[in-house]
Amino acid sequence: MISSDAACAVELVVAGPSDKAALANLAQLYIHDFSEFWAGRPGGELGDDGRFTPMTDFDDYWREAGRIPLLVRAGGALA
């Protein structure tokens, strides 16, 4: 059964510049999920700092026309 409670509501939200850190952190999780397929390729291995090479300069999402940074929220929480 699917609940219609606000706690279960899923929203697609346009991210603002203040969400840049959240986008970068989510990208790290994305890269981690695919790292078994990207091993040995640039960006597919952990750096000495324990992080993957960033995918993009997230500032571009607010500088370039046609780019729209989005976040998914479920019940108000980042999903």
PDB file of N, CA and C in Angstrom:
ATOM      1  N   MET A   1       0.839  -1.168   0.000  1.00  0.00           N
ATOM      2  CA  MET A   1       0.000   0.000   0.000  1.00  0.00           C
ATOM      3  C   MET A   1       0.890   1.240   0.000  1.00  0.00           C
ATOM      4  N   ILE A   2       0.517   2.248  -0.764  1.00  0.00           N
ATOM      5  CA  ILE A   2       1.251   3.494  -0.829  1.00  0.00           C
ATOM      6  C   ILE A   2       0.537   4.518   0.036  1.00  0.00           C
ATOM      7  N   SER A   3       1.292   5.119   0.945  1.00  0.00           N
ATOM      8  CA  SER A   3       0.726   6.115   1.844  1.00  0.00           C
ATOM      9  C   SER A   3       0.743   7.482   1.175  1.00  0.00           C
ATOM     10  N   SER A   4      -0.218   8.300   1.485  1.00  0.00           N
ATOM     11  CA  SER A   4      -0.258   9.662   0.960  1.00  0.00           C
ATOM     12  C   SER A   4       0.226  10.665   2.001  1.00  0.00           C
ATOM     13  N   ASP A   5       0.823  10.178   3.076  1.00  0.00           N
ATOM     14  CA  ASP A   5       1.336  11.065   4.117  1.00  0.00           C
ATOM     15  C   ASP A   5       2.390  12.005   3.560  1.00  0.00           C
ATOM     16  N   ALA A   6       2.453  13.208   4.119  1.00  0.00           N
ATOM     17  CA  ALA A   6       3.502  14.160   3.732  1.00  0.00           C
ATOM     18  C   ALA A   6       4.879  13.585   4.037  1.00  0.00           C
ATOM     19  N   ALA A   7       4.971  12.702   5.040  1.00  0.00           N
ATOM     20  CA  ALA A   7       6.256  12.095   5.397  1.00  0.00           C
ATOM     21  C   ALA A   7       6.790  11.215   4.280  1.00  0.00           C
ATOM     22  N   CYS A   8       5.936  10.767   3.385  1.00  0.00           N
ATOM     23  CA  CYS A   8       6.343   9.910   2.270  1.00  0.00           C
ATOM     24  C   CYS A   8       6.441  10.682   0.959  1.00  0.00           C
ATOM     25  N   ALA A   9       6.159  11.973   0.980  1.00  0.00           N
ATOM     26  CA  ALA A   9       6.162  12.772  -0.242  1.00  0.00           C
ATOM     27  C   ALA A   9       7.562  12.831  -0.842  1.00  0.00           C
ATOM     28  N   VAL A  10       7.625  12.695  -2.146  1.00  0.00           N
ATOM     29  CA  VAL A  10       8.884  12.795  -2.870  1.00  0.00           C
ATOM     30  C   VAL A  10       8.847  14.076  -3.689  1.00  0.00           C
ATOM     31  N   GLU A  11       9.909  14.872  -3.561  1.00  0.00           N
ATOM     32  CA  GLU A  11       9.986  16.148  -4.261  1.00  0.00           C
ATOM     33  C   GLU A  11      11.262  16.214  -5.084  1.00  0.00           C
ATOM     34  N   LEU A  12      11.190  16.856  -6.229  1.00  0.00           N
ATOM     35  CA  LEU A  12      12.346  17.184  -7.037  1.00  0.00           C
ATOM     36  C   LEU A  12      12.544  18.679  -6.857  1.00  0.00           C
ATOM     37  N   VAL A  13      13.698  19.071  -6.296  1.00  0.00           N
ATOM     38  CA  VAL A  13      13.938  20.451  -5.904  1.00  0.00           C
ATOM     39  C   VAL A  13      15.140  21.003  -6.670  1.00  0.00           C
ATOM     40  N   VAL A  14      15.005  22.203  -7.205  1.00  0.00           N
ATOM     41  CA  VAL A  14      16.141  22.860  -7.853  1.00  0.00           C
ATOM     42  C   VAL A  14      17.136  23.245  -6.766  1.00  0.00           C
ATOM     43  N   ALA A  15      18.378  22.805  -6.923  1.00  0.00           N
ATOM     44  CA  ALA A  15      19.427  23.082  -5.939  1.00  0.00           C
ATOM     45  C   ALA A  15      19.988  24.476  -6.161  1.00  0.00           C
ATOM     46  N   GLY A  16      20.265  25.153  -5.067  1.00  0.00           N
ATOM     47  CA  GLY A  16      20.889  26.465  -5.125  1.00  0.00           C
ATOM     48  C   GLY A  16      22.374  26.347  -4.848  1.00  0.00           C
ATOM     49  N   PRO A  17      23.117  27.420  -5.025  1.00  0.00           N
ATOM     50  CA  PRO A  17      24.550  27.394  -4.756  1.00  0.00           C
ATOM     51  C   PRO A  17      24.893  26.921  -3.338  1.00  0.00           C
ATOM     52  N   SER A  18      24.003  27.153  -2.391  1.00  0.00           N
ATOM     53  CA  SER A  18      24.263  26.685  -1.020  1.00  0.00           C
ATOM     54  C   SER A  18      24.192  25.159  -0.916  1.00  0.00           C
ATOM     55  N   ASP A  19      23.682  24.489  -1.942  1.00  0.00           N
ATOM     56  CA  ASP A  19      23.589  23.019  -1.963  1.00  0.00           C
ATOM     57  C   ASP A  19      24.789  22.374  -2.650  1.00  0.00           C
ATOM     58  N   LYS A  20      25.780  23.172  -3.044  1.00  0.00           N
ATOM     59  CA  LYS A  20      26.934  22.653  -3.781  1.00  0.00           C
ATOM     60  C   LYS A  20      27.630  21.524  -3.021  1.00  0.00           C
ATOM     61  N   ALA A  21      27.850  21.683  -1.730  1.00  0.00           N
ATOM     62  CA  ALA A  21      28.536  20.648  -0.946  1.00  0.00           C
ATOM     63  C   ALA A  21      27.734  19.347  -0.936  1.00  0.00           C
ATOM     64  N   ALA A  22      26.408  19.454  -0.815  1.00  0.00           N
ATOM     65  CA  ALA A  22      25.565  18.252  -0.833  1.00  0.00           C
ATOM     66  C   ALA A  22      25.670  17.548  -2.178  1.00  0.00           C
ATOM     67  N   LEU A  23      25.651  18.304  -3.281  1.00  0.00           N
ATOM     68  CA  LEU A  23      25.792  17.705  -4.613  1.00  0.00           C
ATOM     69  C   LEU A  23      27.137  17.004  -4.759  1.00  0.00           C
ATOM     70  N   ALA A  24      28.194  17.644  -4.286  1.00  0.00           N
ATOM     71  CA  ALA A  24      29.528  17.048  -4.376  1.00  0.00           C
ATOM     72  C   ALA A  24      29.610  15.773  -3.544  1.00  0.00           C
ATOM     73  N   ASN A  25      28.993  15.776  -2.361  1.00  0.00           N
ATOM     74  CA  ASN A  25      28.995  14.578  -1.518  1.00  0.00           C
ATOM     75  C   ASN A  25      28.184  13.454  -2.158  1.00  0.00           C
ATOM     76  N   LEU A  26      27.042  13.796  -2.745  1.00  0.00           N
ATOM     77  CA  LEU A  26      26.243  12.781  -3.433  1.00  0.00           C
ATOM     78  C   LEU A  26      26.995  12.208  -4.632  1.00  0.00           C
ATOM     79  N   ALA A  27      27.750  13.049  -5.332  1.00  0.00           N
ATOM     80  CA  ALA A  27      28.548  12.577  -6.460  1.00  0.00           C
ATOM     81  C   ALA A  27      29.600  11.572  -5.997  1.00  0.00           C
ATOM     82  N   GLN A  28      30.174  11.775  -4.808  1.00  0.00           N
ATOM     83  CA  GLN A  28      31.134  10.811  -4.270  1.00  0.00           C
ATOM     84  C   GLN A  28      30.474   9.444  -4.072  1.00  0.00           C
ATOM     85  N   LEU A  29      29.236   9.441  -3.579  1.00  0.00           N
ATOM     86  CA  LEU A  29      28.512   8.180  -3.403  1.00  0.00           C
ATOM     87  C   LEU A  29      28.230   7.527  -4.751  1.00  0.00           C
ATOM     88  N   TYR A  30      27.881   8.329  -5.741  1.00  0.00           N
ATOM     89  CA  TYR A  30      27.618   7.835  -7.098  1.00  0.00           C
ATOM     90  C   TYR A  30      28.879   7.176  -7.667  1.00  0.00           C
ATOM     91  N   ILE A  31      30.011   7.874  -7.549  1.00  0.00           N
ATOM     92  CA  ILE A  31      31.268   7.319  -8.061  1.00  0.00           C
ATOM     93  C   ILE A  31      31.599   6.027  -7.324  1.00  0.00           C
ATOM     94  N   HIS A  32      31.395   6.010  -6.014  1.00  0.00           N
ATOM     95  CA  HIS A  32      31.665   4.792  -5.234  1.00  0.00           C
ATOM     96  C   HIS A  32      30.845   3.618  -5.766  1.00  0.00           C
ATOM     97  N   ASP A  33      29.570   3.865  -6.044  1.00  0.00           N
ATOM     98  CA  ASP A  33      28.701   2.801  -6.544  1.00  0.00           C
ATOM     99  C   ASP A  33      29.208   2.223  -7.859  1.00  0.00           C
ATOM    100  N   PHE A  34      29.831   3.048  -8.687  1.00  0.00           N
ATOM    101  CA  PHE A  34      30.322   2.593  -9.985  1.00  0.00           C
ATOM    102  C   PHE A  34      31.811   2.271  -9.995  1.00  0.00           C
ATOM    103  N   SER A  35      32.484   2.419  -8.867  1.00  0.00           N
ATOM    104  CA  SER A  35      33.937   2.256  -8.844  1.00  0.00           C
ATOM    105  C   SER A  35      34.384   0.850  -9.244  1.00  0.00           C
ATOM    106  N   GLU A  36      33.570  -0.160  -9.005  1.00  0.00           N
ATOM    107  CA  GLU A  36      33.976  -1.506  -9.426  1.00  0.00           C
ATOM    108  C   GLU A  36      34.045  -1.615 -10.947  1.00  0.00           C
ATOM    109  N   PHE A  37      33.286  -0.804 -11.649  1.00  0.00           N
ATOM    110  CA  PHE A  37      33.313  -0.808 -13.112  1.00  0.00           C
ATOM    111  C   PHE A  37      34.359   0.159 -13.661  1.00  0.00           C
ATOM    112  N   TRP A  38      34.690   1.180 -12.869  1.00  0.00           N
ATOM    113  CA  TRP A  38      35.619   2.214 -13.316  1.00  0.00           C
ATOM    114  C   TRP A  38      37.031   2.008 -12.787  1.00  0.00           C
ATOM    115  N   ALA A  39      37.284   0.921 -12.060  1.00  0.00           N
ATOM    116  CA  ALA A  39      38.609   0.674 -11.490  1.00  0.00           C
ATOM    117  C   ALA A  39      39.668   0.720 -12.593  1.00  0.00           C
ATOM    118  N   GLY A  40      40.780   1.377 -12.289  1.00  0.00           N
ATOM    119  CA  GLY A  40      41.871   1.488 -13.234  1.00  0.00           C
ATOM    120  C   GLY A  40      41.725   2.647 -14.209  1.00  0.00           C
ATOM    121  N   ARG A  41      40.581   3.289 -14.209  1.00  0.00           N
ATOM    122  CA  ARG A  41      40.348   4.445 -15.086  1.00  0.00           C
ATOM    123  C   ARG A  41      40.507   5.727 -14.272  1.00  0.00           C
ATOM    124  N   PRO A  42      40.799   6.826 -14.955  1.00  0.00           N
ATOM    125  CA  PRO A  42      40.863   8.098 -14.215  1.00  0.00           C
ATOM    126  C   PRO A  42      39.537   8.355 -13.495  1.00  0.00           C
ATOM    127  N   GLY A  43      39.616   8.687 -12.245  1.00  0.00           N
ATOM    128  CA  GLY A  43      38.418   8.966 -11.460  1.00  0.00           C
ATOM    129  C   GLY A  43      37.800   7.737 -10.814  1.00  0.00           C
ATOM    130  N   GLY A  44      38.257   6.542 -11.174  1.00  0.00           N
ATOM    131  CA  GLY A  44      37.682   5.332 -10.619  1.00  0.00           C
ATOM    132  C   GLY A  44      38.433   4.766  -9.430  1.00  0.00           C
ATOM    133  N   GLU A  45      39.479   5.437  -9.029  1.00  0.00           N
ATOM    134  CA  GLU A  45      40.290   4.997  -7.887  1.00  0.00           C
ATOM    135  C   GLU A  45      40.287   6.088  -6.818  1.00  0.00           C
ATOM    136  N   LEU A  46      40.390   5.661  -5.573  1.00  0.00           N
ATOM    137  CA  LEU A  46      40.468   6.615  -4.470  1.00  0.00           C
ATOM    138  C   LEU A  46      41.792   7.359  -4.506  1.00  0.00           C
ATOM    139  N   GLY A  47      41.747   8.632  -4.167  1.00  0.00           N
ATOM    140  CA  GLY A  47      42.956   9.416  -4.017  1.00  0.00           C
ATOM    141  C   GLY A  47      43.544   9.222  -2.635  1.00  0.00           C
ATOM    142  N   ASP A  48      44.698   9.805  -2.411  1.00  0.00           N
ATOM    143  CA  ASP A  48      45.364   9.690  -1.112  1.00  0.00           C
ATOM    144  C   ASP A  48      44.557  10.335   0.009  1.00  0.00           C
ATOM    145  N   ASP A  49      43.626  11.200  -0.347  1.00  0.00           N
ATOM    146  CA  ASP A  49      42.779  11.845   0.663  1.00  0.00           C
ATOM    147  C   ASP A  49      41.543  11.020   0.995  1.00  0.00           C
ATOM    148  N   GLY A  50      41.408   9.834   0.359  1.00  0.00           N
ATOM    149  CA  GLY A  50      40.264   8.966   0.627  1.00  0.00           C
ATOM    150  C   GLY A  50      39.015   9.341  -0.146  1.00  0.00           C
ATOM    151  N   ARG A  51      39.161  10.225  -1.135  1.00  0.00           N
ATOM    152  CA  ARG A  51      38.034  10.649  -1.949  1.00  0.00           C
ATOM    153  C   ARG A  51      38.310  10.322  -3.405  1.00  0.00           C
ATOM    154  N   PHE A  52      37.247  10.195  -4.184  1.00  0.00           N
ATOM    155  CA  PHE A  52      37.377  10.025  -5.625  1.00  0.00           C
ATOM    156  C   PHE A  52      37.595  11.394  -6.261  1.00  0.00           C
ATOM    157  N   THR A  53      38.157  11.392  -7.467  1.00  0.00           N
ATOM    158  CA  THR A  53      38.307  12.633  -8.207  1.00  0.00           C
ATOM    159  C   THR A  53      36.921  13.205  -8.474  1.00  0.00           C
ATOM    160  N   PRO A  54      36.715  14.488  -8.175  1.00  0.00           N
ATOM    161  CA  PRO A  54      35.387  15.075  -8.421  1.00  0.00           C
ATOM    162  C   PRO A  54      34.971  14.914  -9.878  1.00  0.00           C
ATOM    163  N   MET A  55      33.679  14.697 -10.103  1.00  0.00           N
ATOM    164  CA  MET A  55      33.144  14.478 -11.444  1.00  0.00           C
ATOM    165  C   MET A  55      33.129  15.743 -12.278  1.00  0.00           C
ATOM    166  N   THR A  56      32.874  16.866 -11.638  1.00  0.00           N
ATOM    167  CA  THR A  56      32.658  18.109 -12.368  1.00  0.00           C
ATOM    168  C   THR A  56      32.917  19.280 -11.443  1.00  0.00           C
ATOM    169  N   ASP A  57      32.996  20.447 -12.032  1.00  0.00           N
ATOM    170  CA  ASP A  57      33.008  21.677 -11.241  1.00  0.00           C
ATOM    171  C   ASP A  57      31.549  22.062 -11.062  1.00  0.00           C
ATOM    172  N   PHE A  58      31.014  21.841  -9.910  1.00  0.00           N
ATOM    173  CA  PHE A  58      29.591  22.052  -9.688  1.00  0.00           C
ATOM    174  C   PHE A  58      29.168  23.504  -9.864  1.00  0.00           C
ATOM    175  N   ASP A  59      30.117  24.450  -9.820  1.00  0.00           N
ATOM    176  CA  ASP A  59      29.761  25.849 -10.076  1.00  0.00           C
ATOM    177  C   ASP A  59      29.194  26.024 -11.479  1.00  0.00           C
ATOM    178  N   ASP A  60      29.603  25.144 -12.403  1.00  0.00           N
ATOM    179  CA  ASP A  60      29.096  25.228 -13.778  1.00  0.00           C
ATOM    180  C   ASP A  60      27.572  25.128 -13.832  1.00  0.00           C
ATOM    181  N   TYR A  61      26.970  24.436 -12.879  1.00  0.00           N
ATOM    182  CA  TYR A  61      25.515  24.283 -12.884  1.00  0.00           C
ATOM    183  C   TYR A  61      24.790  25.611 -12.700  1.00  0.00           C
ATOM    184  N   TRP A  62      25.463  26.573 -12.100  1.00  0.00           N
ATOM    185  CA  TRP A  62      24.838  27.875 -11.904  1.00  0.00           C
ATOM    186  C   TRP A  62      25.377  28.924 -12.880  1.00  0.00           C
ATOM    187  N   ARG A  63      26.413  28.573 -13.647  1.00  0.00           N
ATOM    188  CA  ARG A  63      26.994  29.515 -14.613  1.00  0.00           C
ATOM    189  C   ARG A  63      26.514  29.271 -16.030  1.00  0.00           C
ATOM    190  N   GLU A  64      26.260  28.017 -16.387  1.00  0.00           N
ATOM    191  CA  GLU A  64      25.968  27.659 -17.769  1.00  0.00           C
ATOM    192  C   GLU A  64      24.462  27.491 -18.003  1.00  0.00           C
ATOM    193  N   ALA A  65      24.003  28.143 -19.061  1.00  0.00           N
ATOM    194  CA  ALA A  65      22.589  28.019 -19.438  1.00  0.00           C
ATOM    195  C   ALA A  65      22.276  26.566 -19.782  1.00  0.00           C
ATOM    196  N   GLY A  66      21.095  26.137 -19.433  1.00  0.00           N
ATOM    197  CA  GLY A  66      20.663  24.790 -19.772  1.00  0.00           C
ATOM    198  C   GLY A  66      21.015  23.741 -18.728  1.00  0.00           C
ATOM    199  N   ARG A  67      21.830  24.098 -17.742  1.00  0.00           N
ATOM    200  CA  ARG A  67      22.135  23.160 -16.656  1.00  0.00           C
ATOM    201  C   ARG A  67      21.217  23.468 -15.484  1.00  0.00           C
ATOM    202  N   ILE A  68      20.622  22.421 -14.949  1.00  0.00           N
ATOM    203  CA  ILE A  68      19.718  22.598 -13.815  1.00  0.00           C
ATOM    204  C   ILE A  68      20.081  21.561 -12.750  1.00  0.00           C
ATOM    205  N   PRO A  69      20.688  21.992 -11.653  1.00  0.00           N
ATOM    206  CA  PRO A  69      21.020  21.051 -10.581  1.00  0.00           C
ATOM    207  C   PRO A  69      19.774  20.704  -9.777  1.00  0.00           C
ATOM    208  N   LEU A  70      19.536  19.428  -9.596  1.00  0.00           N
ATOM    209  CA  LEU A  70      18.339  18.976  -8.896  1.00  0.00           C
ATOM    210  C   LEU A  70      18.699  18.085  -7.714  1.00  0.00           C
ATOM    211  N   LEU A  71      17.893  18.148  -6.694  1.00  0.00           N
ATOM    212  CA  LEU A  71      17.993  17.258  -5.542  1.00  0.00           C
ATOM    213  C   LEU A  71      16.654  16.545  -5.379  1.00  0.00           C
ATOM    214  N   VAL A  72      16.701  15.335  -4.896  1.00  0.00           N
ATOM    215  CA  VAL A  72      15.486  14.579  -4.587  1.00  0.00           C
ATOM    216  C   VAL A  72      15.352  14.571  -3.068  1.00  0.00           C
ATOM    217  N   ARG A  73      14.161  14.909  -2.620  1.00  0.00           N
ATOM    218  CA  ARG A  73      13.859  14.859  -1.192  1.00  0.00           C
ATOM    219  C   ARG A  73      12.674  13.929  -0.981  1.00  0.00           C
ATOM    220  N   ALA A  74      12.753  13.108   0.021  1.00  0.00           N
ATOM    221  CA  ALA A  74      11.668  12.195   0.389  1.00  0.00           C
ATOM    222  C   ALA A  74      11.293  12.497   1.840  1.00  0.00           C
ATOM    223  N   GLY A  75      10.055  12.879   2.044  1.00  0.00           N
ATOM    224  CA  GLY A  75       9.623  13.259   3.379  1.00  0.00           C
ATOM    225  C   GLY A  75      10.412  14.439   3.915  1.00  0.00           C
ATOM    226  N   GLY A  76      10.907  15.292   3.026  1.00  0.00           N
ATOM    227  CA  GLY A  76      11.680  16.473   3.415  1.00  0.00           C
ATOM    228  C   GLY A  76      13.164  16.230   3.543  1.00  0.00           C
ATOM    229  N   ALA A  77      13.577  14.962   3.597  1.00  0.00           N
ATOM    230  CA  ALA A  77      14.993  14.635   3.776  1.00  0.00           C
ATOM    231  C   ALA A  77      15.648  14.362   2.418  1.00  0.00           C
ATOM    232  N   LEU A  78      16.917  14.712   2.320  1.00  0.00           N
ATOM    233  CA  LEU A  78      17.663  14.436   1.109  1.00  0.00           C
ATOM    234  C   LEU A  78      17.670  12.935   0.832  1.00  0.00           C
ATOM    235  N   ALA A  79      17.399  12.578  -0.391  1.00  0.00           N
ATOM    236  CA  ALA A  79      17.318  11.153  -0.743  1.00  0.00           C
ATOM    237  C   ALA A  79      18.386  10.811  -1.776  1.00  0.00           C
TER     238      ALA A  79
END
